[in-house]
Amino acid sequence: MTQVERVLDYLQAGKKLTCLNAFNELGITQVAARIYELKEAGHNVLSRRIKVTNRYNERCSVSEYYMERSDVR
């Protein structure tokens, strides 16, 4: 299974994906590149910026990727 397939399966399961859980759960370090590939292939992957706290207890924002319920299996 390719990284793109893993990301697509994850999103189609109704889960939300960030760079951190992409690494921890899927072993993918360049999730934005995989999202780009999915979009280029015609998948309706959406994103929004969310606030998180980093390991230094600082607030920062990251992209969270998801698919609408009508887009998922």
N, C-alpha and C. Protein backbone atom coordinates (compact mmCIF):
# COMPACT_ATOMS: atom_id res chain seq x y z
N MET A 1 0.85 -1.18 0.00
CA MET A 1 0.00 0.00 0.00
C MET A 1 0.90 1.24 0.00
N THR A 2 0.56 2.20 -0.84
CA THR A 2 1.35 3.43 -0.92
C THR A 2 0.94 4.40 0.18
N GLN A 3 1.76 5.43 0.38
CA GLN A 3 1.43 6.46 1.36
C GLN A 3 0.13 7.17 0.98
N VAL A 4 -0.05 7.44 -0.29
CA VAL A 4 -1.28 8.11 -0.75
C VAL A 4 -2.49 7.24 -0.43
N GLU A 5 -2.39 5.95 -0.65
CA GLU A 5 -3.50 5.04 -0.34
C GLU A 5 -3.79 5.01 1.15
N ARG A 6 -2.73 5.02 1.97
CA ARG A 6 -2.92 5.03 3.43
C ARG A 6 -3.64 6.29 3.87
N VAL A 7 -3.22 7.45 3.32
CA VAL A 7 -3.86 8.72 3.67
C VAL A 7 -5.32 8.71 3.23
N LEU A 8 -5.59 8.25 2.02
CA LEU A 8 -6.96 8.22 1.51
C LEU A 8 -7.84 7.31 2.38
N ASP A 9 -7.36 6.14 2.71
CA ASP A 9 -8.12 5.22 3.58
C ASP A 9 -8.42 5.87 4.93
N TYR A 10 -7.44 6.54 5.48
CA TYR A 10 -7.57 7.21 6.78
C TYR A 10 -8.65 8.29 6.72
N LEU A 11 -8.59 9.13 5.70
CA LEU A 11 -9.57 10.21 5.57
C LEU A 11 -10.95 9.67 5.23
N GLN A 12 -11.03 8.65 4.41
CA GLN A 12 -12.33 8.08 4.06
C GLN A 12 -12.98 7.37 5.23
N ALA A 13 -12.19 7.03 6.24
CA ALA A 13 -12.73 6.43 7.47
C ALA A 13 -13.33 7.50 8.38
N GLY A 14 -13.29 8.76 7.92
CA GLY A 14 -13.88 9.84 8.71
C GLY A 14 -12.94 10.47 9.71
N LYS A 15 -11.66 10.11 9.63
CA LYS A 15 -10.67 10.64 10.58
C LYS A 15 -10.07 11.93 10.05
N LYS A 16 -9.56 12.74 10.97
CA LYS A 16 -8.87 13.99 10.62
C LYS A 16 -7.37 13.76 10.73
N LEU A 17 -6.63 14.41 9.85
CA LEU A 17 -5.19 14.16 9.76
C LEU A 17 -4.40 15.46 9.90
N THR A 18 -3.40 15.44 10.77
CA THR A 18 -2.45 16.53 10.91
C THR A 18 -1.06 15.97 10.63
N CYS A 19 -0.06 16.84 10.57
CA CYS A 19 1.30 16.35 10.34
C CYS A 19 1.75 15.41 11.46
N LEU A 20 1.32 15.68 12.69
CA LEU A 20 1.75 14.85 13.82
C LEU A 20 1.11 13.46 13.78
N ASN A 21 -0.22 13.39 13.62
CA ASN A 21 -0.78 12.04 13.61
C ASN A 21 -0.50 11.31 12.30
N ALA A 22 -0.19 12.03 11.21
CA ALA A 22 0.25 11.37 9.99
C ALA A 22 1.56 10.62 10.24
N PHE A 23 2.45 11.25 10.99
CA PHE A 23 3.72 10.61 11.33
C PHE A 23 3.50 9.47 12.32
N ASN A 24 2.78 9.75 13.40
CA ASN A 24 2.59 8.75 14.46
C ASN A 24 1.76 7.55 14.04
N GLU A 25 0.71 7.77 13.26
CA GLU A 25 -0.21 6.69 12.94
C GLU A 25 0.04 6.06 11.57
N LEU A 26 0.59 6.83 10.64
CA LEU A 26 0.77 6.32 9.28
C LEU A 26 2.22 6.25 8.84
N GLY A 27 3.14 6.84 9.62
CA GLY A 27 4.55 6.82 9.25
C GLY A 27 4.88 7.73 8.08
N ILE A 28 4.09 8.79 7.90
CA ILE A 28 4.27 9.70 6.77
C ILE A 28 4.77 11.04 7.29
N THR A 29 5.88 11.53 6.73
CA THR A 29 6.44 12.80 7.19
C THR A 29 6.04 13.98 6.34
N GLN A 30 5.71 13.78 5.09
CA GLN A 30 5.34 14.89 4.20
C GLN A 30 3.88 14.77 3.80
N VAL A 31 3.01 14.92 4.79
CA VAL A 31 1.58 14.72 4.55
C VAL A 31 1.03 15.74 3.56
N ALA A 32 1.51 16.96 3.56
CA ALA A 32 1.00 17.97 2.62
C ALA A 32 1.23 17.53 1.17
N ALA A 33 2.34 16.88 0.90
CA ALA A 33 2.61 16.40 -0.45
C ALA A 33 1.64 15.28 -0.84
N ARG A 34 1.32 14.40 0.11
CA ARG A 34 0.35 13.34 -0.18
C ARG A 34 -1.05 13.91 -0.40
N ILE A 35 -1.41 14.95 0.37
CA ILE A 35 -2.70 15.62 0.20
C ILE A 35 -2.77 16.26 -1.19
N TYR A 36 -1.70 16.90 -1.59
CA TYR A 36 -1.63 17.51 -2.92
C TYR A 36 -1.87 16.46 -4.01
N GLU A 37 -1.23 15.31 -3.85
CA GLU A 37 -1.40 14.23 -4.84
C GLU A 37 -2.85 13.74 -4.88
N LEU A 38 -3.48 13.64 -3.72
CA LEU A 38 -4.89 13.23 -3.68
C LEU A 38 -5.78 14.26 -4.37
N LYS A 39 -5.52 15.53 -4.12
CA LYS A 39 -6.31 16.59 -4.76
C LYS A 39 -6.10 16.57 -6.27
N GLU A 40 -4.87 16.36 -6.71
CA GLU A 40 -4.58 16.29 -8.14
C GLU A 40 -5.30 15.11 -8.80
N ALA A 41 -5.53 14.05 -8.01
CA ALA A 41 -6.23 12.87 -8.52
C ALA A 41 -7.75 13.05 -8.46
N GLY A 42 -8.21 14.20 -7.98
CA GLY A 42 -9.64 14.50 -7.98
C GLY A 42 -10.37 14.27 -6.68
N HIS A 43 -9.67 13.94 -5.62
CA HIS A 43 -10.32 13.73 -4.32
C HIS A 43 -10.57 15.07 -3.65
N ASN A 44 -11.73 15.18 -3.01
CA ASN A 44 -12.13 16.43 -2.36
C ASN A 44 -11.64 16.45 -0.91
N VAL A 45 -10.35 16.69 -0.74
CA VAL A 45 -9.76 16.77 0.60
C VAL A 45 -9.80 18.23 1.03
N LEU A 46 -10.36 18.48 2.19
CA LEU A 46 -10.48 19.83 2.73
C LEU A 46 -9.46 20.03 3.84
N SER A 47 -9.22 21.28 4.18
CA SER A 47 -8.30 21.56 5.28
C SER A 47 -8.74 22.81 6.02
N ARG A 48 -8.29 22.90 7.24
CA ARG A 48 -8.51 24.09 8.05
C ARG A 48 -7.32 24.22 8.99
N ARG A 49 -7.09 25.42 9.45
CA ARG A 49 -6.01 25.67 10.41
C ARG A 49 -6.58 25.51 11.81
N ILE A 50 -5.87 24.76 12.65
CA ILE A 50 -6.28 24.59 14.04
C ILE A 50 -5.13 25.00 14.95
N LYS A 51 -5.46 25.41 16.15
CA LYS A 51 -4.45 25.78 17.14
C LYS A 51 -4.10 24.56 17.98
N VAL A 52 -2.81 24.35 18.18
CA VAL A 52 -2.30 23.27 19.01
C VAL A 52 -1.21 23.82 19.93
N THR A 53 -0.86 23.05 20.92
CA THR A 53 0.25 23.41 21.81
C THR A 53 1.42 22.49 21.48
N ASN A 54 2.59 23.08 21.21
CA ASN A 54 3.75 22.27 20.85
C ASN A 54 4.46 21.76 22.11
N ARG A 55 5.55 21.05 21.91
CA ARG A 55 6.26 20.44 23.04
C ARG A 55 6.89 21.46 23.98
N TYR A 56 6.98 22.72 23.55
CA TYR A 56 7.53 23.78 24.39
C TYR A 56 6.42 24.59 25.06
N ASN A 57 5.21 24.04 25.01
CA ASN A 57 4.03 24.67 25.60
C ASN A 57 3.71 26.01 24.93
N GLU A 58 4.01 26.10 23.64
CA GLU A 58 3.71 27.30 22.85
C GLU A 58 2.51 27.01 21.95
N ARG A 59 1.66 27.99 21.77
CA ARG A 59 0.51 27.85 20.88
C ARG A 59 0.97 28.09 19.44
N CYS A 60 0.55 27.23 18.55
CA CYS A 60 0.86 27.41 17.13
C CYS A 60 -0.30 26.81 16.32
N SER A 61 -0.28 27.03 15.02
CA SER A 61 -1.36 26.49 14.20
C SER A 61 -0.79 25.50 13.19
N VAL A 62 -1.59 24.49 12.89
CA VAL A 62 -1.22 23.47 11.92
C VAL A 62 -2.43 23.22 11.02
N SER A 63 -2.20 22.61 9.88
CA SER A 63 -3.30 22.23 9.00
C SER A 63 -3.88 20.90 9.44
N GLU A 64 -5.19 20.83 9.40
CA GLU A 64 -5.91 19.60 9.69
C GLU A 64 -6.69 19.24 8.42
N TYR A 65 -6.47 18.04 7.91
CA TYR A 65 -7.09 17.60 6.67
C TYR A 65 -8.23 16.65 6.98
N TYR A 66 -9.28 16.72 6.16
CA TYR A 66 -10.46 15.88 6.37
C TYR A 66 -11.25 15.80 5.07
N MET A 67 -12.21 14.90 5.07
CA MET A 67 -13.14 14.79 3.95
C MET A 67 -14.55 14.93 4.51
N GLU A 68 -15.43 15.55 3.74
CA GLU A 68 -16.82 15.66 4.14
C GLU A 68 -17.45 14.28 4.20
N ARG A 69 -18.46 14.11 4.99
CA ARG A 69 -19.11 12.81 5.14
C ARG A 69 -19.59 12.23 3.81
N SER A 70 -20.04 13.07 2.88
CA SER A 70 -20.51 12.56 1.59
C SER A 70 -19.35 12.05 0.74
N ASP A 71 -18.10 12.44 1.09
CA ASP A 71 -16.92 12.01 0.34
C ASP A 71 -16.35 10.71 0.85
N VAL A 72 -16.79 10.27 2.03
CA VAL A 72 -16.20 9.09 2.65
C VAL A 72 -17.04 7.86 2.34
N ARG A 73 -16.44 6.71 2.50
CA ARG A 73 -17.13 5.44 2.22
C ARG A 73 -18.29 5.25 3.15
